[in-house]
Amino acid sequence: MPPEFRDTIDLWVSDFLDRPTAQAVAVPFGPDAAAVLTTFLEGACHAGTAPADLEASDVSHAFLDHCSQLELPPLRRAAVPDLVAAFLGDLEDAGRLSGGRGMASRVRAAAGAFLERASGKAPDLKRQASKVGRNDPCPCGSGRKYKQCCLGRLG
């Protein structure tokens, strides 16, 4: 990660934690709030994206894949979505990140998936429907066999 990204991340995190609005959501974390937010932004910038240019996919990746790996007690872990969402909203309010409030909404919506990943549960990989055979009717509803309809479109 370029040093200027690291400086920007440190500045944004410290500015947020100094604001009175951040105090309410940061209280459960104590000194760990800065580490959580730093891990989040570092994960979001993983592909060389500047902090000011983050997109929703970067935020989702950082939240679900990086923040869920943090070793936190259960009460702090449950408060991570609110902390990250408040941080993103504050970045938009400060004019540092466009679309921060929309990204905050996505973080709140993904809170359940975050908590599942953070708890260490393996995802359910069970097939929801039966497998379509080559000679079965095509699931697109054409009435033709799968091998003569949509099978060839896959590859």
N, C-alpha and C. Protein backbone atom coordinates (compact mmCIF):
# COMPACT_ATOMS: atom_id res chain seq x y z
N MET A 1 0.85 -1.17 0.00
CA MET A 1 0.00 0.00 0.00
C MET A 1 0.90 1.24 0.00
N PRO A 2 0.62 2.18 -0.88
CA PRO A 2 1.44 3.40 -0.93
C PRO A 2 1.36 4.18 0.40
N PRO A 3 2.44 4.84 0.76
CA PRO A 3 2.45 5.59 2.03
C PRO A 3 1.39 6.69 2.10
N GLU A 4 1.06 7.29 0.97
CA GLU A 4 0.04 8.35 1.01
C GLU A 4 -1.35 7.77 1.34
N PHE A 5 -1.62 6.52 0.93
CA PHE A 5 -2.87 5.87 1.31
C PHE A 5 -2.90 5.64 2.81
N ARG A 6 -1.77 5.18 3.36
CA ARG A 6 -1.67 4.91 4.79
C ARG A 6 -1.90 6.21 5.58
N ASP A 7 -1.31 7.31 5.12
CA ASP A 7 -1.49 8.60 5.80
C ASP A 7 -2.94 9.06 5.74
N THR A 8 -3.58 8.88 4.60
CA THR A 8 -4.99 9.26 4.45
C THR A 8 -5.86 8.44 5.38
N ILE A 9 -5.62 7.14 5.44
CA ILE A 9 -6.39 6.25 6.30
C ILE A 9 -6.25 6.67 7.76
N ASP A 10 -5.02 6.91 8.20
CA ASP A 10 -4.79 7.32 9.59
C ASP A 10 -5.48 8.65 9.90
N LEU A 11 -5.43 9.59 8.96
CA LEU A 11 -6.07 10.88 9.16
C LEU A 11 -7.59 10.74 9.26
N TRP A 12 -8.19 9.99 8.33
CA TRP A 12 -9.64 9.83 8.32
C TRP A 12 -10.14 9.15 9.60
N VAL A 13 -9.43 8.12 10.04
CA VAL A 13 -9.84 7.39 11.25
C VAL A 13 -9.72 8.28 12.47
N SER A 14 -8.60 8.99 12.61
CA SER A 14 -8.43 9.84 13.79
C SER A 14 -9.41 11.00 13.79
N ASP A 15 -9.68 11.58 12.63
CA ASP A 15 -10.67 12.67 12.55
C ASP A 15 -12.05 12.18 12.96
N PHE A 16 -12.43 11.00 12.48
CA PHE A 16 -13.75 10.46 12.82
C PHE A 16 -13.86 10.20 14.33
N LEU A 17 -12.84 9.60 14.90
CA LEU A 17 -12.90 9.25 16.31
C LEU A 17 -12.84 10.48 17.22
N ASP A 18 -12.39 11.62 16.70
CA ASP A 18 -12.36 12.85 17.49
C ASP A 18 -13.71 13.57 17.49
N ARG A 19 -14.60 13.21 16.58
CA ARG A 19 -15.90 13.89 16.50
C ARG A 19 -16.85 13.37 17.58
N PRO A 20 -17.68 14.25 18.11
CA PRO A 20 -18.64 13.82 19.14
C PRO A 20 -19.64 12.77 18.64
N THR A 21 -19.99 12.82 17.36
CA THR A 21 -20.94 11.85 16.84
C THR A 21 -20.36 10.43 16.83
N ALA A 22 -19.05 10.32 16.74
CA ALA A 22 -18.41 9.00 16.72
C ALA A 22 -18.32 8.38 18.10
N GLN A 23 -18.36 9.19 19.11
CA GLN A 23 -18.18 8.68 20.46
C GLN A 23 -19.23 7.64 20.82
N ALA A 24 -20.47 7.84 20.42
CA ALA A 24 -21.55 6.91 20.77
C ALA A 24 -21.33 5.52 20.18
N VAL A 25 -20.91 5.45 18.92
CA VAL A 25 -20.72 4.15 18.29
C VAL A 25 -19.37 3.53 18.61
N ALA A 26 -18.40 4.35 19.02
CA ALA A 26 -17.06 3.84 19.31
C ALA A 26 -16.89 3.39 20.75
N VAL A 27 -17.83 3.74 21.63
CA VAL A 27 -17.70 3.40 23.05
C VAL A 27 -17.52 1.90 23.28
N PRO A 28 -18.27 1.01 22.64
CA PRO A 28 -18.09 -0.42 22.92
C PRO A 28 -16.70 -0.95 22.57
N PHE A 29 -15.97 -0.23 21.73
CA PHE A 29 -14.68 -0.72 21.26
C PHE A 29 -13.50 -0.23 22.08
N GLY A 30 -13.66 0.91 22.71
CA GLY A 30 -12.53 1.49 23.43
C GLY A 30 -11.41 1.80 22.45
N PRO A 31 -10.19 1.40 22.80
CA PRO A 31 -9.06 1.68 21.90
C PRO A 31 -9.06 0.83 20.62
N ASP A 32 -9.90 -0.20 20.57
CA ASP A 32 -9.93 -1.06 19.38
C ASP A 32 -10.68 -0.44 18.21
N ALA A 33 -11.40 0.66 18.41
CA ALA A 33 -12.17 1.28 17.33
C ALA A 33 -11.25 1.70 16.19
N ALA A 34 -10.12 2.28 16.51
CA ALA A 34 -9.18 2.71 15.47
C ALA A 34 -8.66 1.51 14.67
N ALA A 35 -8.38 0.41 15.35
CA ALA A 35 -7.87 -0.78 14.66
C ALA A 35 -8.93 -1.36 13.72
N VAL A 36 -10.18 -1.37 14.16
CA VAL A 36 -11.26 -1.90 13.31
C VAL A 36 -11.41 -1.06 12.05
N LEU A 37 -11.45 0.26 12.21
CA LEU A 37 -11.63 1.14 11.06
C LEU A 37 -10.42 1.14 10.14
N THR A 38 -9.24 1.05 10.71
CA THR A 38 -8.02 0.98 9.89
C THR A 38 -8.01 -0.31 9.08
N THR A 39 -8.35 -1.43 9.71
CA THR A 39 -8.42 -2.71 9.00
C THR A 39 -9.45 -2.63 7.88
N PHE A 40 -10.57 -2.00 8.16
CA PHE A 40 -11.62 -1.85 7.15
C PHE A 40 -11.11 -1.07 5.94
N LEU A 41 -10.51 0.10 6.16
CA LEU A 41 -10.05 0.91 5.03
C LEU A 41 -8.87 0.25 4.30
N GLU A 42 -7.98 -0.40 5.02
CA GLU A 42 -6.88 -1.09 4.35
C GLU A 42 -7.41 -2.21 3.46
N GLY A 43 -8.41 -2.93 3.95
CA GLY A 43 -9.02 -3.98 3.13
C GLY A 43 -9.73 -3.42 1.92
N ALA A 44 -10.35 -2.26 2.07
CA ALA A 44 -11.06 -1.64 0.95
C ALA A 44 -10.09 -1.15 -0.12
N CYS A 45 -8.90 -0.79 0.28
CA CYS A 45 -7.88 -0.28 -0.66
C CYS A 45 -6.96 -1.40 -1.14
N HIS A 46 -7.35 -2.65 -0.97
CA HIS A 46 -6.50 -3.79 -1.27
C HIS A 46 -6.01 -3.86 -2.71
N ALA A 47 -6.80 -3.39 -3.63
CA ALA A 47 -6.44 -3.50 -5.05
C ALA A 47 -5.76 -2.25 -5.58
N GLY A 48 -5.27 -1.39 -4.68
CA GLY A 48 -4.61 -0.18 -5.10
C GLY A 48 -5.56 0.98 -5.32
N THR A 49 -6.80 0.85 -4.89
CA THR A 49 -7.77 1.93 -5.01
C THR A 49 -7.51 2.96 -3.93
N ALA A 50 -7.47 4.23 -4.32
CA ALA A 50 -7.27 5.31 -3.36
C ALA A 50 -8.47 5.38 -2.43
N PRO A 51 -8.27 5.74 -1.17
CA PRO A 51 -9.40 5.82 -0.23
C PRO A 51 -10.56 6.70 -0.72
N ALA A 52 -10.27 7.77 -1.40
CA ALA A 52 -11.33 8.67 -1.87
C ALA A 52 -12.09 8.10 -3.07
N ASP A 53 -11.55 7.05 -3.70
CA ASP A 53 -12.17 6.47 -4.89
C ASP A 53 -12.86 5.14 -4.62
N LEU A 54 -13.11 4.81 -3.37
CA LEU A 54 -13.71 3.52 -3.03
C LEU A 54 -15.10 3.39 -3.63
N GLU A 55 -15.43 2.17 -4.00
CA GLU A 55 -16.74 1.85 -4.54
C GLU A 55 -17.42 0.83 -3.63
N ALA A 56 -18.67 0.57 -3.89
CA ALA A 56 -19.45 -0.34 -3.04
C ALA A 56 -18.83 -1.74 -2.98
N SER A 57 -18.28 -2.22 -4.09
CA SER A 57 -17.68 -3.55 -4.09
C SER A 57 -16.44 -3.61 -3.19
N ASP A 58 -15.66 -2.53 -3.16
CA ASP A 58 -14.49 -2.47 -2.28
C ASP A 58 -14.92 -2.49 -0.82
N VAL A 59 -15.98 -1.75 -0.52
CA VAL A 59 -16.48 -1.67 0.85
C VAL A 59 -17.03 -3.03 1.29
N SER A 60 -17.80 -3.69 0.43
CA SER A 60 -18.35 -5.00 0.77
C SER A 60 -17.24 -6.01 1.01
N HIS A 61 -16.24 -6.01 0.15
CA HIS A 61 -15.11 -6.92 0.31
C HIS A 61 -14.41 -6.69 1.64
N ALA A 62 -14.12 -5.45 1.95
CA ALA A 62 -13.40 -5.14 3.19
C ALA A 62 -14.23 -5.51 4.41
N PHE A 63 -15.51 -5.21 4.36
CA PHE A 63 -16.38 -5.47 5.50
C PHE A 63 -16.54 -6.97 5.75
N LEU A 64 -16.88 -7.72 4.69
CA LEU A 64 -17.17 -9.13 4.86
C LEU A 64 -15.92 -10.01 4.95
N ASP A 65 -14.86 -9.64 4.25
CA ASP A 65 -13.69 -10.52 4.22
C ASP A 65 -12.59 -10.11 5.18
N HIS A 66 -12.43 -8.84 5.46
CA HIS A 66 -11.35 -8.39 6.33
C HIS A 66 -11.82 -8.15 7.77
N CYS A 67 -12.88 -7.40 7.92
CA CYS A 67 -13.36 -7.09 9.28
C CYS A 67 -13.87 -8.34 9.99
N SER A 68 -14.41 -9.29 9.25
CA SER A 68 -14.93 -10.50 9.89
C SER A 68 -13.81 -11.38 10.45
N GLN A 69 -12.58 -11.14 10.03
CA GLN A 69 -11.45 -11.93 10.51
C GLN A 69 -10.84 -11.38 11.80
N LEU A 70 -11.29 -10.22 12.23
CA LEU A 70 -10.75 -9.62 13.45
C LEU A 70 -11.16 -10.43 14.66
N GLU A 71 -10.25 -10.62 15.59
CA GLU A 71 -10.53 -11.32 16.84
C GLU A 71 -11.11 -10.31 17.82
N LEU A 72 -12.43 -10.34 17.97
CA LEU A 72 -13.12 -9.42 18.87
C LEU A 72 -14.08 -10.20 19.76
N PRO A 73 -14.30 -9.70 20.98
CA PRO A 73 -15.34 -10.33 21.82
C PRO A 73 -16.71 -10.20 21.15
N PRO A 74 -17.66 -11.07 21.47
CA PRO A 74 -18.96 -11.07 20.79
C PRO A 74 -19.70 -9.73 20.80
N LEU A 75 -19.67 -9.00 21.91
CA LEU A 75 -20.38 -7.71 21.95
C LEU A 75 -19.75 -6.69 21.01
N ARG A 76 -18.43 -6.68 20.94
CA ARG A 76 -17.76 -5.76 20.02
C ARG A 76 -17.99 -6.18 18.58
N ARG A 77 -17.95 -7.48 18.33
CA ARG A 77 -18.17 -7.98 16.98
C ARG A 77 -19.56 -7.58 16.48
N ALA A 78 -20.56 -7.65 17.34
CA ALA A 78 -21.92 -7.29 16.94
C ALA A 78 -22.07 -5.80 16.65
N ALA A 79 -21.17 -4.97 17.20
CA ALA A 79 -21.25 -3.52 17.00
C ALA A 79 -20.44 -3.05 15.79
N VAL A 80 -19.68 -3.92 15.16
CA VAL A 80 -18.84 -3.53 14.02
C VAL A 80 -19.67 -2.94 12.87
N PRO A 81 -20.81 -3.53 12.46
CA PRO A 81 -21.57 -2.92 11.35
C PRO A 81 -21.99 -1.48 11.63
N ASP A 82 -22.42 -1.19 12.85
CA ASP A 82 -22.82 0.18 13.19
C ASP A 82 -21.63 1.14 13.15
N LEU A 83 -20.48 0.68 13.63
CA LEU A 83 -19.29 1.53 13.62
C LEU A 83 -18.86 1.85 12.19
N VAL A 84 -18.79 0.83 11.36
CA VAL A 84 -18.35 1.02 9.97
C VAL A 84 -19.36 1.88 9.20
N ALA A 85 -20.66 1.64 9.42
CA ALA A 85 -21.69 2.44 8.74
C ALA A 85 -21.62 3.91 9.17
N ALA A 86 -21.43 4.16 10.47
CA ALA A 86 -21.31 5.54 10.95
C ALA A 86 -20.07 6.21 10.35
N PHE A 87 -19.00 5.45 10.23
CA PHE A 87 -17.76 5.97 9.65
C PHE A 87 -17.97 6.36 8.18
N LEU A 88 -18.63 5.49 7.41
CA LEU A 88 -18.87 5.79 6.00
C LEU A 88 -19.77 7.01 5.84
N GLY A 89 -20.80 7.11 6.67
CA GLY A 89 -21.68 8.29 6.63
C GLY A 89 -20.93 9.56 6.96
N ASP A 90 -20.03 9.48 7.93
CA ASP A 90 -19.23 10.64 8.30
C ASP A 90 -18.28 11.05 7.18
N LEU A 91 -17.72 10.07 6.47
CA LEU A 91 -16.82 10.39 5.36
C LEU A 91 -17.56 11.15 4.27
N GLU A 92 -18.82 10.79 4.02
CA GLU A 92 -19.60 11.54 3.02
C GLU A 92 -19.91 12.94 3.54
N ASP A 93 -20.29 13.04 4.82
CA ASP A 93 -20.60 14.35 5.40
C ASP A 93 -19.39 15.28 5.35
N ALA A 94 -18.20 14.72 5.51
CA ALA A 94 -16.98 15.52 5.50
C ALA A 94 -16.50 15.82 4.08
N GLY A 95 -17.18 15.25 3.06
CA GLY A 95 -16.80 15.50 1.68
C GLY A 95 -15.61 14.68 1.23
N ARG A 96 -15.33 13.60 1.92
CA ARG A 96 -14.16 12.78 1.59
C ARG A 96 -14.49 11.58 0.70
N LEU A 97 -15.74 11.11 0.78
CA LEU A 97 -16.12 9.91 0.04
C LEU A 97 -17.53 10.09 -0.50
N SER A 98 -17.66 10.12 -1.80
CA SER A 98 -19.01 10.26 -2.37
C SER A 98 -19.73 8.91 -2.27
N GLY A 99 -21.00 8.97 -1.96
CA GLY A 99 -21.79 7.75 -1.84
C GLY A 99 -21.60 7.02 -0.53
N GLY A 100 -21.03 7.66 0.46
CA GLY A 100 -20.77 7.00 1.74
C GLY A 100 -22.03 6.53 2.44
N ARG A 101 -23.09 7.30 2.35
CA ARG A 101 -24.34 6.90 3.02
C ARG A 101 -24.96 5.67 2.34
N GLY A 102 -24.86 5.60 1.04
CA GLY A 102 -25.35 4.41 0.33
C GLY A 102 -24.54 3.18 0.69
N MET A 103 -23.23 3.35 0.80
CA MET A 103 -22.37 2.24 1.21
C MET A 103 -22.66 1.84 2.65
N ALA A 104 -22.99 2.81 3.50
CA ALA A 104 -23.34 2.52 4.88
C ALA A 104 -24.60 1.67 4.94
N SER A 105 -25.55 1.95 4.07
CA SER A 105 -26.77 1.14 4.01
C SER A 105 -26.47 -0.30 3.62
N ARG A 106 -25.56 -0.46 2.69
CA ARG A 106 -25.16 -1.82 2.27
C ARG A 106 -24.47 -2.56 3.40
N VAL A 107 -23.66 -1.84 4.18
CA VAL A 107 -22.98 -2.46 5.33
C VAL A 107 -24.02 -2.93 6.35
N ARG A 108 -24.99 -2.08 6.64
CA ARG A 108 -26.04 -2.47 7.60
C ARG A 108 -26.84 -3.67 7.08
N ALA A 109 -27.09 -3.71 5.78
CA ALA A 109 -27.84 -4.83 5.19
C ALA A 109 -27.04 -6.13 5.23
N ALA A 110 -25.73 -6.03 5.20
CA ALA A 110 -24.87 -7.22 5.22
C ALA A 110 -24.46 -7.63 6.63
N ALA A 111 -25.07 -7.02 7.64
CA ALA A 111 -24.69 -7.32 9.03
C ALA A 111 -24.87 -8.79 9.37
N GLY A 112 -25.94 -9.41 8.90
CA GLY A 112 -26.17 -10.82 9.18
C GLY A 112 -25.08 -11.70 8.59
N ALA A 113 -24.73 -11.45 7.33
CA ALA A 113 -23.66 -12.22 6.69
C ALA A 113 -22.34 -11.99 7.40
N PHE A 114 -22.10 -10.75 7.83
CA PHE A 114 -20.88 -10.43 8.57
C PHE A 114 -20.80 -11.25 9.86
N LEU A 115 -21.88 -11.27 10.61
CA LEU A 115 -21.88 -11.99 11.89
C LEU A 115 -21.70 -13.49 11.69
N GLU A 116 -22.27 -14.04 10.62
CA GLU A 116 -22.06 -15.46 10.32
C GLU A 116 -20.60 -15.74 10.02
N ARG A 117 -19.99 -14.91 9.19
CA ARG A 117 -18.57 -15.11 8.85
C ARG A 117 -17.68 -14.91 10.06
N ALA A 118 -17.99 -13.91 10.86
CA ALA A 118 -17.17 -13.61 12.04
C ALA A 118 -17.27 -14.70 13.10
N SER A 119 -18.39 -15.41 13.14
CA SER A 119 -18.55 -16.47 14.13
C SER A 119 -17.79 -17.73 13.74
N GLY A 120 -17.35 -17.80 12.50
CA GLY A 120 -16.56 -18.95 12.04
C GLY A 120 -17.40 -20.07 11.46
N LYS A 121 -18.70 -19.87 11.32
CA LYS A 121 -19.54 -20.90 10.72
C LYS A 121 -19.21 -21.04 9.24
N ALA A 122 -19.22 -22.26 8.79
CA ALA A 122 -19.02 -22.51 7.36
C ALA A 122 -20.34 -22.23 6.63
N PRO A 123 -20.26 -21.67 5.43
CA PRO A 123 -21.50 -21.41 4.70
C PRO A 123 -22.16 -22.72 4.26
N ASP A 124 -23.47 -22.70 4.13
CA ASP A 124 -24.22 -23.86 3.70
C ASP A 124 -24.07 -23.99 2.19
N LEU A 125 -23.41 -25.06 1.76
CA LEU A 125 -23.15 -25.25 0.34
C LEU A 125 -24.08 -26.30 -0.27
N LYS A 126 -25.16 -26.60 0.39
CA LYS A 126 -26.11 -27.59 -0.09
C LYS A 126 -26.87 -27.03 -1.29
N ARG A 127 -27.01 -27.86 -2.30
CA ARG A 127 -27.72 -27.46 -3.51
C ARG A 127 -29.19 -27.25 -3.18
N GLN A 128 -29.76 -26.13 -3.59
CA GLN A 128 -31.14 -25.80 -3.28
C GLN A 128 -32.13 -26.56 -4.16
N ALA A 129 -31.74 -26.86 -5.37
CA ALA A 129 -32.62 -27.56 -6.31
C ALA A 129 -31.88 -28.76 -6.88
N SER A 130 -32.62 -29.66 -7.48
CA SER A 130 -31.97 -30.83 -8.06
C SER A 130 -31.16 -30.44 -9.30
N LYS A 131 -30.18 -31.25 -9.59
CA LYS A 131 -29.30 -30.99 -10.73
C LYS A 131 -30.07 -31.26 -12.03
N VAL A 132 -29.84 -30.43 -13.03
CA VAL A 132 -30.50 -30.59 -14.32
C VAL A 132 -29.66 -31.52 -15.18
N GLY A 133 -30.25 -32.61 -15.62
CA GLY A 133 -29.56 -33.55 -16.50
C GLY A 133 -29.67 -33.12 -17.95
N ARG A 134 -28.80 -33.69 -18.79
CA ARG A 134 -28.78 -33.31 -20.20
C ARG A 134 -30.11 -33.60 -20.89
N ASN A 135 -30.80 -34.67 -20.51
CA ASN A 135 -32.03 -35.08 -21.17
C ASN A 135 -33.29 -34.58 -20.46
N ASP A 136 -33.12 -33.80 -19.40
CA ASP A 136 -34.27 -33.22 -18.69
C ASP A 136 -34.81 -32.04 -19.47
N PRO A 137 -36.08 -31.68 -19.22
CA PRO A 137 -36.61 -30.47 -19.86
C PRO A 137 -35.80 -29.24 -19.44
N CYS A 138 -35.62 -28.34 -20.34
CA CYS A 138 -34.80 -27.16 -20.06
C CYS A 138 -35.51 -26.28 -19.02
N PRO A 139 -34.76 -25.80 -18.01
CA PRO A 139 -35.38 -24.97 -16.97
C PRO A 139 -35.84 -23.60 -17.48
N CYS A 140 -35.47 -23.23 -18.70
CA CYS A 140 -35.90 -21.93 -19.22
C CYS A 140 -37.37 -21.95 -19.64
N GLY A 141 -37.96 -23.18 -19.75
CA GLY A 141 -39.37 -23.28 -20.07
C GLY A 141 -39.67 -23.41 -21.54
N SER A 142 -38.67 -23.66 -22.36
CA SER A 142 -38.89 -23.75 -23.81
C SER A 142 -39.60 -25.04 -24.21
N GLY A 143 -39.54 -26.07 -23.36
CA GLY A 143 -40.13 -27.36 -23.69
C GLY A 143 -39.15 -28.29 -24.37
N ARG A 144 -37.99 -27.81 -24.73
CA ARG A 144 -36.96 -28.63 -25.37
C ARG A 144 -36.10 -29.29 -24.31
N LYS A 145 -35.29 -30.27 -24.73
CA LYS A 145 -34.34 -30.88 -23.80
C LYS A 145 -33.24 -29.86 -23.49
N TYR A 146 -32.71 -29.99 -22.29
CA TYR A 146 -31.66 -29.07 -21.84
C TYR A 146 -30.46 -29.10 -22.77
N LYS A 147 -30.07 -30.30 -23.26
CA LYS A 147 -28.88 -30.40 -24.12
C LYS A 147 -29.08 -29.72 -25.47
N GLN A 148 -30.34 -29.57 -25.89
CA GLN A 148 -30.61 -28.95 -27.19
C GLN A 148 -31.00 -27.48 -27.05
N CYS A 149 -31.03 -27.00 -25.82
CA CYS A 149 -31.48 -25.62 -25.61
C CYS A 149 -30.37 -24.78 -24.97
N CYS A 150 -30.33 -24.74 -23.67
CA CYS A 150 -29.45 -23.81 -22.96
C CYS A 150 -28.09 -24.36 -22.58
N LEU A 151 -27.86 -25.66 -22.67
CA LEU A 151 -26.57 -26.23 -22.29
C LEU A 151 -25.44 -25.65 -23.12
N GLY A 152 -25.66 -25.47 -24.40
CA GLY A 152 -24.62 -24.94 -25.29
C GLY A 152 -24.30 -23.49 -25.05
N ARG A 153 -25.19 -22.76 -24.41
CA ARG A 153 -24.98 -21.33 -24.15
C ARG A 153 -24.04 -21.08 -23.00
N LEU A 154 -23.78 -22.09 -22.17
CA LEU A 154 -22.94 -21.92 -20.99
C LEU A 154 -21.46 -21.76 -21.33
N GLY A 155 -21.01 -22.43 -22.36
CA GLY A 155 -19.59 -22.46 -22.56
C GLY A 155 -19.07 -21.81 -23.74
